[in-house]
Amino acid sequence: MPNYRFRFTGRERDEVVVDCEDVDAARNEAVRSLGAYLSEHPGFADEGHWRIEVESEQCEPLLHVIVATVNVRPRR
């Protein structure tokens, strides 16, 4: 089973290496990892956005998982 690397961009977190069947499974695991981290840090909304870069075993970038908080613009 291939390894995928998760890098939490812009945060003081270690790189996480996981075994997944394919890129789709790695994306799902990245979402779960980010969700678990954010649930432990409820103040994340004040920090703008969070991103995990998912890379292959060879450190090639494959995709980004992004959570962002954006204020609603007033309607005119």
Protein backbone atom coordinates (compact mmCIF):
# COMPACT_ATOMS: atom_id res chain seq x y z
CA MET A 1 0.00 0.00 0.00
CA PRO A 2 1.45 3.42 -0.91
CA ASN A 3 2.42 6.05 1.64
CA TYR A 4 1.06 9.58 1.48
CA ARG A 5 2.44 12.57 3.36
CA PHE A 6 0.23 15.20 4.96
CA ARG A 7 1.80 18.58 5.62
CA PHE A 8 -0.17 21.09 7.68
CA THR A 9 0.72 24.32 5.91
CA GLY A 10 1.41 27.38 8.04
CA ARG A 11 1.02 25.56 11.34
CA GLU A 12 3.43 24.09 13.86
CA ARG A 13 2.60 20.47 13.15
CA ASP A 14 4.76 17.53 12.26
CA GLU A 15 4.39 15.82 8.94
CA VAL A 16 2.04 12.83 9.03
CA VAL A 17 2.67 9.73 6.89
CA VAL A 18 -0.23 7.35 6.24
CA ASP A 19 -0.81 4.22 4.19
CA CYS A 20 -3.81 4.47 1.86
CA GLU A 21 -5.10 2.47 -1.08
CA ASP A 22 -5.10 5.44 -3.47
CA VAL A 23 -5.33 9.23 -3.74
CA ASP A 24 -9.08 9.23 -3.01
CA ALA A 25 -8.51 7.34 0.24
CA ALA A 26 -5.64 9.71 1.11
CA ARG A 27 -7.94 12.71 0.53
CA ASN A 28 -10.55 11.22 2.86
CA GLU A 29 -7.92 10.54 5.53
CA ALA A 30 -6.57 14.10 5.20
CA VAL A 31 -10.09 15.46 5.78
CA ARG A 32 -10.46 13.26 8.86
CA SER A 33 -7.04 14.31 10.18
CA LEU A 34 -7.79 17.99 9.69
CA GLY A 35 -11.24 17.61 11.26
CA ALA A 36 -9.80 15.88 14.31
CA TYR A 37 -7.16 18.57 14.76
CA LEU A 38 -9.64 21.42 14.37
CA SER A 39 -12.10 19.84 16.81
CA GLU A 40 -9.34 19.97 19.43
CA HIS A 41 -8.63 23.65 18.63
CA PRO A 42 -11.98 25.45 18.48
CA GLY A 43 -10.35 28.87 18.03
CA PHE A 44 -9.28 27.97 14.49
CA ALA A 45 -11.93 30.20 12.93
CA ASP A 46 -10.02 33.27 14.10
CA GLU A 47 -6.99 32.18 12.10
CA GLY A 48 -8.48 32.43 8.60
CA HIS A 49 -7.78 29.18 6.79
CA TRP A 50 -6.12 25.83 7.23
CA ARG A 51 -4.58 23.69 4.54
CA ILE A 52 -3.14 20.19 4.33
CA GLU A 53 -0.92 19.39 1.38
CA VAL A 54 -1.15 15.74 0.37
CA GLU A 55 2.00 14.40 -1.27
CA SER A 56 3.03 11.08 -2.80
CA GLU A 57 5.76 8.83 -1.42
CA GLN A 58 8.17 10.72 -3.68
CA CYS A 59 7.06 14.05 -2.11
CA GLU A 60 5.17 15.10 -5.26
CA PRO A 61 2.24 17.41 -4.47
CA LEU A 62 -1.08 15.74 -5.26
CA LEU A 63 -3.83 17.86 -3.74
CA HIS A 64 -4.77 20.37 -1.06
CA VAL A 65 -7.50 20.03 1.55
CA ILE A 66 -8.57 23.50 2.64
CA VAL A 67 -10.89 24.78 5.36
CA ALA A 68 -11.53 28.52 5.28
CA THR A 69 -13.65 30.92 7.25
CA VAL A 70 -14.83 33.92 5.26
CA ASN A 71 -17.03 36.76 6.46
CA VAL A 72 -20.20 37.26 4.46
CA ARG A 73 -20.30 40.44 2.42
CA PRO A 74 -23.32 42.61 3.14
CA ARG A 75 -25.92 42.60 0.37
CA ARG A 76 -26.54 45.87 -1.35
